[in-house]
Amino acid sequence: MSDTVDDDATDPSADPSVDLRNFLSAEGHQTLELLEQVRGKYVTSPGDAVCMKALTKLILNAGMRANTALPYSRTNRAEGRILVITGESGAGKSRRLMRTLRRHPALEGQDLAGPDSPVVVVNVPSPCTLKLLGREVLHATGYPLERELLENLVWERVRRRLDRGNKLIVVFDEMQHITRKLNSDEINKVSDTIKNLINNLTWRVSIIVCGLPKVADFIHRDRQLERRAQFIHIDSLTMPGDNAVIAAMVTKLAAVADLIAEADIATNLAPRLIHAACNQWGSPSHSPMRPSRPRFGPITSLSTGTTTRSTSVIRSRSGPMARSRSTTSRRRTEAFSAAPTRKTRSSAATGLRSASPGLPSSSMPRRTETPRQVQWGDRRDAAPRPAL
C-alpha cells in the first residue's frame, strides 16, 4: 500500500521569501537591512504608559479571589474584565498592545503564541461570524478543527480549551470585522458569548478587544459589558502640537539608517509627514522621508563637520542609500521634457480636420460636448446609426 502525499504539508522552518531576495545585489541587501532596522524600531509615546497601567489592572483582577473567605483555587476567581483599545486605521493599536504584552513584568520572556502562555491572541478574520470566531480561538490555542461543528459545540470546546490551557486573557484584534455587518440578533449573540467567557463559573477569562472606534460602540450598547470595560482611545496627531514629537521621531529613525536631518525639520518636514500619515501615530515612520518639493538648506555632516547645500531635508551620510537626489530630479525633468505633449479634445479634433484635405470640413460630424456625454449632431448625408 502506497503512502499518501499531503500536498498542503509545508516545512515550518522554510523561508519562502529567500528566492525573492536572491535577485538583490550586495548593495540591495544592505539597503534591505537598513529598512528592516528602521521599521523594527518602536518610538514610545505617552499612550504606552496608559496602556501598561490598564493591562496591569487587568492582570491583577485575573489573580483576585471571588470569595475572600475561601482559599485561592481555579474556581474561586473574580469575574473577568474587558479592556477596549480603539483608534483610527494606522494609529498603531495592535503594535502598541503587543509590545505592552511582551514588556509587562508578569508576561515578560513568555512566548505569547506558545502553549504555556496565559494569553491567547486571536486575529479576527474578515468576514467573520460567531462560529468562525470560535474556530479561530481554537486554532490560536493549538486545536484546529478538522470537521464541521455546530456553533454552540464550537464555543463549548473553546471554554474547555481555555480551562485546560490555563488561559487568563483572550485578545481579539481587529474586532470590527465581526461587529461591522452583523444584524442585531447576531451582535447580541456575540455580546452574550463574551459575557459568558468573563463570568463562567468553571473558568473565567479577561478580554482585550482592539479595533476601530466602532468597537467601543459595540461595547457601549450592552450595559453589562460596558460596566466591566475600561476604554483607551489613541488620539490622532495634530499640527502644530505634535510637530516636535514627529521631528524627534524622524531624527532618531534617521540616525538608525545613518542619515542626518536639519535642525528645522519640525517646521518643514514634520507637518508633511503628519498629513501624509492621515494624522495617525502608527504611520509617520512608514511615510516617505522626502519633502514634496525641493528645499535648499544647509546640512552639516556629523563625520566631517563641513556644511554643504542640498535639495533634501534628510540626506545619507554614506552607504548604499547615498544617492544624489538633485541628479534624480534632473533626470525626471529631462524625461518629462522629452515626453510628447498631450492635446486637448478640441485641438485633437481640429488637427483631424486639417489632416484630411480630401474630406470637406462640412462632412465632419458636428458634436456638442456636455459635462456627462458627447452628443453627435445629425447629418443629412450620414448613414443611419445602428440601434444599441
Protein backbone atom coordinates (compact mmCIF):
# COMPACT_ATOMS: atom_id res chain seq x y z
CA MET A 1 0.00 0.00 0.00
CA SER A 2 1.48 3.32 -1.06
CA ASP A 3 1.75 6.25 1.29
CA THR A 4 -0.49 9.22 0.61
CA VAL A 5 1.20 12.54 -0.05
CA ASP A 6 -0.19 15.62 1.64
CA ASP A 7 0.09 18.43 -0.89
CA ASP A 8 -0.70 21.01 1.78
CA ALA A 9 2.15 19.92 4.05
CA THR A 10 4.88 22.57 4.33
CA ASP A 11 8.13 22.82 6.17
CA PRO A 12 7.53 25.33 9.01
CA SER A 13 11.25 26.17 9.10
CA ALA A 14 11.45 27.01 5.38
CA ASP A 15 11.54 30.66 4.38
CA PRO A 16 9.64 31.18 1.09
CA SER A 17 10.99 34.74 0.73
CA VAL A 18 14.57 33.54 0.14
CA ASP A 19 14.01 33.29 -3.61
CA LEU A 20 12.55 36.81 -3.64
CA ARG A 21 15.71 38.22 -2.06
CA ASN A 22 18.13 36.36 -4.30
CA PHE A 23 17.76 38.90 -7.09
CA LEU A 24 19.14 41.67 -4.85
CA SER A 25 22.72 42.75 -5.18
CA ALA A 26 25.04 43.17 -2.21
CA GLU A 27 24.08 46.84 -2.10
CA GLY A 28 20.40 45.90 -2.25
CA HIS A 29 20.78 43.55 0.72
CA GLN A 30 22.39 46.33 2.74
CA THR A 31 19.51 48.66 1.86
CA LEU A 32 17.01 45.98 2.87
CA GLU A 33 18.75 45.53 6.21
CA LEU A 34 18.63 49.27 6.83
CA LEU A 35 14.91 49.36 6.09
CA GLU A 36 14.33 46.44 8.44
CA GLN A 37 16.26 48.19 11.19
CA VAL A 38 14.25 51.39 10.77
CA ARG A 39 10.88 49.63 10.70
CA GLY A 40 11.89 47.43 13.61
CA LYS A 41 12.34 50.45 15.88
CA TYR A 42 9.49 51.37 18.18
CA VAL A 43 9.02 55.01 19.11
CA THR A 44 7.44 55.38 22.54
CA SER A 45 4.66 57.82 23.33
CA PRO A 46 2.72 58.87 26.46
CA GLY A 47 -0.01 56.42 25.47
CA ASP A 48 2.31 53.48 26.17
CA ALA A 49 2.24 54.20 29.90
CA VAL A 50 -1.56 54.42 29.84
CA CYS A 51 -1.80 51.06 28.09
CA MET A 52 0.67 49.48 30.52
CA LYS A 53 -1.33 50.73 33.52
CA ALA A 54 -4.59 49.39 32.11
CA LEU A 55 -3.03 45.99 31.38
CA THR A 56 -1.66 45.82 34.92
CA LYS A 57 -5.13 46.42 36.28
CA LEU A 58 -6.50 43.66 34.08
CA ILE A 59 -3.82 41.19 35.20
CA LEU A 60 -4.32 41.99 38.88
CA ASN A 61 -8.05 41.37 38.51
CA ALA A 62 -7.30 37.95 36.99
CA GLY A 63 -5.50 36.97 40.19
CA MET A 64 -8.17 38.14 42.62
CA ARG A 65 -10.47 35.82 44.52
CA ALA A 66 -14.22 35.96 44.14
CA ASN A 67 -14.71 34.94 47.78
CA THR A 68 -12.00 36.14 50.15
CA ALA A 69 -13.18 33.71 52.83
CA LEU A 70 -12.07 30.80 50.67
CA PRO A 71 -8.54 29.93 49.60
CA TYR A 72 -7.23 30.56 46.12
CA SER A 73 -8.42 27.97 43.62
CA ARG A 74 -9.31 27.58 39.97
CA THR A 75 -12.97 28.19 40.63
CA ASN A 76 -12.53 30.91 43.26
CA ARG A 77 -11.55 33.67 40.88
CA ALA A 78 -13.09 37.07 40.30
CA GLU A 79 -15.06 37.85 37.18
CA GLY A 80 -13.04 38.87 34.17
CA ARG A 81 -12.78 42.42 32.91
CA ILE A 82 -12.66 43.97 29.43
CA LEU A 83 -10.01 46.32 28.05
CA VAL A 84 -11.08 48.19 24.90
CA ILE A 85 -8.36 49.82 22.77
CA THR A 86 -9.61 51.85 19.82
CA GLY A 87 -8.18 54.19 17.24
CA GLU A 88 -8.35 55.04 13.58
CA SER A 89 -6.64 52.91 10.97
CA GLY A 90 -2.88 53.42 11.23
CA ALA A 91 -2.98 54.65 14.83
CA GLY A 92 -0.64 51.87 15.99
CA LYS A 93 -3.14 50.00 18.17
CA SER A 94 -2.02 46.43 17.50
CA ARG A 95 1.69 47.10 17.75
CA ARG A 96 1.32 49.09 20.94
CA LEU A 97 -0.80 46.36 22.52
CA MET A 98 1.55 43.52 21.55
CA ARG A 99 4.59 45.46 22.76
CA THR A 100 2.87 46.16 26.09
CA LEU A 101 2.02 42.49 26.50
CA ARG A 102 5.58 41.38 25.80
CA ARG A 103 7.11 44.00 28.10
CA HIS A 104 4.78 43.58 31.07
CA PRO A 105 6.67 42.16 34.08
CA ALA A 106 4.06 39.41 34.57
CA LEU A 107 4.42 38.25 30.94
CA GLU A 108 7.99 39.25 30.08
CA GLY A 109 10.00 36.49 28.48
CA GLN A 110 6.99 34.36 27.54
CA ASP A 111 6.06 33.34 24.04
CA LEU A 112 2.59 34.77 23.56
CA ALA A 113 1.93 32.24 20.81
CA GLY A 114 3.23 29.32 22.86
CA PRO A 115 1.08 26.70 24.62
CA ASP A 116 2.25 27.77 28.09
CA SER A 117 1.35 31.43 27.73
CA PRO A 118 -1.63 32.66 29.78
CA VAL A 119 -2.54 34.92 26.86
CA VAL A 120 -4.34 33.92 23.65
CA VAL A 121 -4.07 36.35 20.73
CA VAL A 122 -6.78 35.99 18.08
CA ASN A 123 -6.69 37.97 14.85
CA VAL A 124 -10.36 38.29 13.90
CA PRO A 125 -10.74 37.40 10.19
CA SER A 126 -12.86 39.25 7.69
CA PRO A 127 -15.62 38.45 7.03
CA CYS A 128 -16.36 36.80 10.33
CA THR A 129 -19.24 35.17 12.18
CA LEU A 130 -19.53 33.99 15.77
CA LYS A 131 -18.87 30.41 14.70
CA LEU A 132 -15.79 31.35 12.66
CA LEU A 133 -14.51 33.41 15.59
CA GLY A 134 -14.75 30.35 17.83
CA ARG A 135 -12.78 28.30 15.32
CA GLU A 136 -10.09 30.99 15.28
CA VAL A 137 -9.85 30.86 19.08
CA LEU A 138 -9.43 27.08 18.94
CA HIS A 139 -6.73 27.44 16.31
CA ALA A 140 -4.91 30.02 18.45
CA THR A 141 -4.90 27.57 21.36
CA GLY A 142 -3.32 24.88 19.20
CA TYR A 143 -6.51 22.96 18.47
CA PRO A 144 -7.56 23.47 14.83
CA LEU A 145 -10.87 21.85 13.91
CA GLU A 146 -10.78 19.32 11.09
CA ARG A 147 -14.53 18.81 10.83
CA GLU A 148 -17.64 20.92 10.88
CA LEU A 149 -19.35 21.55 14.22
CA LEU A 150 -22.38 23.50 15.30
CA GLU A 151 -21.83 26.95 16.72
CA ASN A 152 -22.68 26.01 20.31
CA LEU A 153 -20.36 22.99 20.18
CA VAL A 154 -17.52 25.15 18.89
CA TRP A 155 -17.77 27.52 21.83
CA GLU A 156 -18.15 24.64 24.26
CA ARG A 157 -14.76 23.42 23.09
CA VAL A 158 -13.39 26.95 23.32
CA ARG A 159 -14.26 27.16 27.01
CA ARG A 160 -12.77 23.71 27.58
CA ARG A 161 -9.53 24.64 25.81
CA LEU A 162 -9.19 27.88 27.77
CA ASP A 163 -9.67 25.95 31.02
CA ARG A 164 -7.21 23.17 30.23
CA GLY A 165 -4.63 25.59 28.85
CA ASN A 166 -4.80 27.91 31.89
CA LYS A 167 -5.55 30.87 29.66
CA LEU A 168 -6.34 34.04 31.60
CA ILE A 169 -6.52 36.71 28.87
CA VAL A 170 -8.00 36.47 25.37
CA VAL A 171 -7.08 39.22 22.87
CA PHE A 172 -9.39 39.91 19.92
CA ASP A 173 -7.53 42.09 17.43
CA GLU A 174 -9.43 43.80 14.58
CA MET A 175 -12.70 43.21 16.40
CA GLN A 176 -14.60 45.44 13.98
CA HIS A 177 -14.57 42.59 11.47
CA ILE A 178 -17.26 40.74 13.41
CA THR A 179 -19.33 43.72 14.51
CA ARG A 180 -19.43 45.55 11.18
CA LYS A 181 -22.11 43.72 9.16
CA LEU A 182 -23.95 41.55 11.66
CA ASN A 183 -27.61 42.14 12.39
CA SER A 184 -28.90 42.98 15.83
CA ASP A 185 -29.57 39.36 16.83
CA GLU A 186 -26.08 38.21 15.82
CA ILE A 187 -24.46 41.12 17.67
CA ASN A 188 -26.41 40.16 20.79
CA LYS A 189 -25.08 36.61 20.47
CA VAL A 190 -21.51 37.94 20.32
CA SER A 191 -22.14 40.06 23.42
CA ASP A 192 -23.62 37.12 25.31
CA THR A 193 -20.66 34.92 24.36
CA ILE A 194 -18.18 37.47 25.71
CA LYS A 195 -20.16 37.79 28.92
CA ASN A 196 -20.14 34.03 29.34
CA LEU A 197 -16.35 33.94 28.97
CA ILE A 198 -15.76 36.53 31.69
CA ASN A 199 -18.26 35.23 34.27
CA ASN A 200 -18.32 31.48 33.60
CA LEU A 201 -18.33 29.53 36.86
CA THR A 202 -15.94 26.86 35.58
CA TRP A 203 -13.25 29.09 34.09
CA ARG A 204 -13.18 32.88 33.79
CA VAL A 205 -11.01 34.93 31.46
CA SER A 206 -10.49 38.62 30.81
CA ILE A 207 -10.97 40.05 27.33
CA ILE A 208 -8.96 42.62 25.36
CA VAL A 209 -10.64 43.93 22.22
CA CYS A 210 -8.75 46.11 19.78
CA GLY A 211 -10.10 47.80 16.68
CA LEU A 212 -11.65 50.86 15.11
CA PRO A 213 -13.78 53.30 17.15
CA LYS A 214 -16.93 51.36 16.23
CA VAL A 215 -15.74 48.59 18.55
CA ALA A 216 -16.32 50.91 21.50
CA ASP A 217 -19.89 51.46 20.29
CA PHE A 218 -20.37 47.69 20.30
CA ILE A 219 -19.33 47.52 23.97
CA HIS A 220 -21.37 50.59 24.94
CA ARG A 221 -24.60 49.15 23.52
CA ASP A 222 -24.58 46.38 26.16
CA ARG A 223 -24.78 47.76 29.70
CA GLN A 224 -23.40 44.57 31.26
CA LEU A 225 -20.30 44.73 29.06
CA GLU A 226 -19.89 48.48 29.46
CA ARG A 227 -19.73 48.40 33.26
CA ARG A 228 -16.96 45.77 33.12
CA ALA A 229 -14.90 47.61 30.50
CA GLN A 230 -12.09 50.15 30.51
CA PHE A 231 -11.69 52.24 27.36
CA ILE A 232 -8.48 53.58 25.82
CA HIS A 233 -8.64 55.64 22.63
CA ILE A 234 -5.50 56.53 20.68
CA ASP A 235 -5.94 60.13 19.59
CA SER A 236 -4.89 61.38 16.18
CA LEU A 237 -1.89 63.64 15.66
CA THR A 238 -2.41 67.38 15.44
CA MET A 239 -0.50 70.23 13.88
CA PRO A 240 1.44 72.07 15.15
CA GLY A 241 1.03 70.41 18.55
CA ASP A 242 2.78 67.16 17.57
CA ASN A 243 5.32 68.61 15.14
CA ALA A 244 8.17 68.47 17.64
CA VAL A 245 7.33 64.88 18.61
CA ILE A 246 7.34 63.71 14.99
CA ALA A 247 10.55 65.63 14.31
CA ALA A 248 12.26 63.85 17.21
CA MET A 249 10.99 60.51 15.92
CA VAL A 250 12.30 61.15 12.40
CA THR A 251 15.67 62.26 13.77
CA LYS A 252 16.05 59.04 15.77
CA LEU A 253 14.97 56.84 12.86
CA ALA A 254 17.31 58.69 10.52
CA ALA A 255 20.22 58.00 12.87
CA VAL A 256 19.41 54.28 12.72
CA ALA A 257 19.79 54.37 8.92
CA ASP A 258 22.96 56.51 9.11
CA LEU A 259 21.12 59.61 7.92
CA ILE A 260 21.19 63.18 9.19
CA ALA A 261 18.42 65.75 9.34
CA GLU A 262 18.23 69.52 9.52
CA ALA A 263 17.51 71.37 12.71
CA ASP A 264 14.29 72.96 11.40
CA ILE A 265 12.69 69.64 10.48
CA ALA A 266 9.85 70.32 12.94
CA THR A 267 8.58 73.21 10.85
CA ASN A 268 9.35 71.80 7.42
CA LEU A 269 9.05 68.01 7.21
CA ALA A 270 7.04 67.05 10.29
CA PRO A 271 3.77 68.70 9.14
CA ARG A 272 4.07 66.94 5.78
CA LEU A 273 4.60 63.58 7.44
CA ILE A 274 1.60 64.09 9.71
CA HIS A 275 -0.52 64.98 6.70
CA ALA A 276 0.79 62.01 4.67
CA ALA A 277 0.05 59.67 7.60
CA CYS A 278 -3.56 60.96 7.86
CA ASN A 279 -2.73 62.29 11.35
CA GLN A 280 -2.14 58.78 12.73
CA TRP A 281 0.71 57.91 15.08
CA GLY A 282 1.45 54.47 13.67
CA SER A 283 2.05 55.68 10.10
CA PRO A 284 4.64 58.52 10.02
CA SER A 285 7.59 56.12 10.28
CA HIS A 286 6.42 54.40 7.08
CA SER A 287 5.85 57.64 5.18
CA PRO A 288 8.44 58.81 2.66
CA MET A 289 11.11 60.90 4.34
CA ARG A 290 11.34 63.35 1.46
CA PRO A 291 9.75 66.79 1.04
CA SER A 292 7.14 67.18 -1.67
CA ARG A 293 9.22 69.86 -3.41
CA PRO A 294 12.95 70.67 -3.39
CA ARG A 295 14.18 72.72 -0.49
CA PHE A 296 17.64 74.23 -0.34
CA GLY A 297 19.12 74.37 3.11
CA PRO A 298 22.39 73.76 4.95
CA ILE A 299 23.23 70.24 6.12
CA THR A 300 26.16 69.62 8.41
CA SER A 301 27.98 66.32 8.16
CA LEU A 302 28.37 64.67 11.55
CA SER A 303 31.59 62.94 10.46
CA THR A 304 33.47 65.83 8.80
CA GLY A 305 31.80 68.88 10.34
CA THR A 306 31.52 70.58 6.95
CA THR A 307 28.43 72.41 5.77
CA THR A 308 27.03 71.90 2.28
CA ARG A 309 23.93 72.78 0.32
CA SER A 310 21.36 70.13 -0.51
CA THR A 311 17.91 69.81 -2.03
CA SER A 312 16.75 67.41 0.67
CA VAL A 313 15.87 67.76 4.33
CA ILE A 314 17.18 64.25 5.03
CA ARG A 315 20.37 63.06 3.45
CA SER A 316 22.50 59.94 3.56
CA ARG A 317 25.91 60.13 5.20
CA SER A 318 27.30 57.08 3.42
CA GLY A 319 26.45 53.56 2.36
CA PRO A 320 24.03 52.14 -0.20
CA MET A 321 21.41 54.83 0.39
CA ALA A 322 23.84 57.61 -0.56
CA ARG A 323 22.44 59.00 -3.80
CA SER A 324 22.23 62.46 -5.32
CA ARG A 325 18.60 63.48 -5.25
CA SER A 326 19.32 66.52 -7.37
CA THR A 327 20.55 64.17 -10.12
CA THR A 328 17.38 62.10 -9.82
CA SER A 329 15.22 65.22 -10.06
CA ARG A 330 17.16 66.38 -13.12
CA ARG A 331 16.62 63.03 -14.83
CA ARG A 332 12.91 63.19 -14.13
CA THR A 333 12.75 66.71 -15.54
CA GLU A 334 14.57 65.66 -18.71
CA ALA A 335 12.29 62.65 -19.14
CA PHE A 336 9.23 64.84 -18.68
CA SER A 337 10.50 67.38 -21.21
CA ALA A 338 11.17 64.65 -23.77
CA ALA A 339 7.70 63.13 -23.41
CA PRO A 340 5.16 64.08 -26.10
CA THR A 341 2.66 66.71 -25.08
CA ARG A 342 -0.97 65.77 -24.78
CA LYS A 343 -3.56 67.58 -26.85
CA THR A 344 -6.90 68.66 -25.61
CA ARG A 345 -10.04 67.23 -27.11
CA SER A 346 -10.80 70.35 -29.12
CA SER A 347 -7.27 70.67 -30.54
CA ALA A 348 -7.23 66.99 -31.47
CA ALA A 349 -10.46 67.41 -33.43
CA THR A 350 -9.03 70.45 -35.23
CA GLY A 351 -5.93 68.52 -36.19
CA LEU A 352 -8.07 65.70 -37.56
CA ARG A 353 -9.90 68.07 -39.85
CA SER A 354 -6.74 69.73 -41.09
CA ALA A 355 -5.04 66.38 -41.65
CA SER A 356 -7.78 65.27 -44.09
CA PRO A 357 -7.54 67.59 -47.10
CA GLY A 358 -9.72 65.36 -49.28
CA LEU A 359 -12.54 65.45 -46.80
CA PRO A 360 -14.54 68.67 -46.61
CA SER A 361 -15.00 70.11 -43.22
CA SER A 362 -18.76 70.14 -43.68
CA SER A 363 -18.75 66.34 -43.86
CA MET A 364 -17.16 66.01 -40.46
CA PRO A 365 -19.64 65.11 -37.71
CA ARG A 366 -20.69 68.02 -35.62
CA ARG A 367 -20.69 67.41 -31.92
CA THR A 368 -21.60 69.31 -28.81
CA GLU A 369 -19.93 68.40 -25.54
CA THR A 370 -21.73 68.26 -22.24
CA PRO A 371 -20.17 67.53 -18.83
CA ARG A 372 -21.54 63.95 -18.86
CA GLN A 373 -21.73 62.83 -22.50
CA VAL A 374 -20.81 63.62 -26.12
CA GLN A 375 -23.74 64.19 -28.45
CA TRP A 376 -23.28 63.77 -32.20
CA GLY A 377 -25.21 66.14 -34.48
CA ASP A 378 -27.44 64.90 -37.32
CA ARG A 379 -26.14 64.99 -40.91
CA ARG A 380 -28.36 64.54 -43.95
CA ASP A 381 -25.69 62.66 -45.89
CA ALA A 382 -24.72 60.39 -43.00
CA ALA A 383 -25.82 56.77 -42.75
CA PRO A 384 -28.36 55.99 -40.01
CA ARG A 385 -26.77 54.92 -36.71
CA PRO A 386 -27.32 51.31 -35.71
CA ALA A 387 -29.53 50.68 -32.71
CA LEU A 388 -27.63 49.88 -29.50
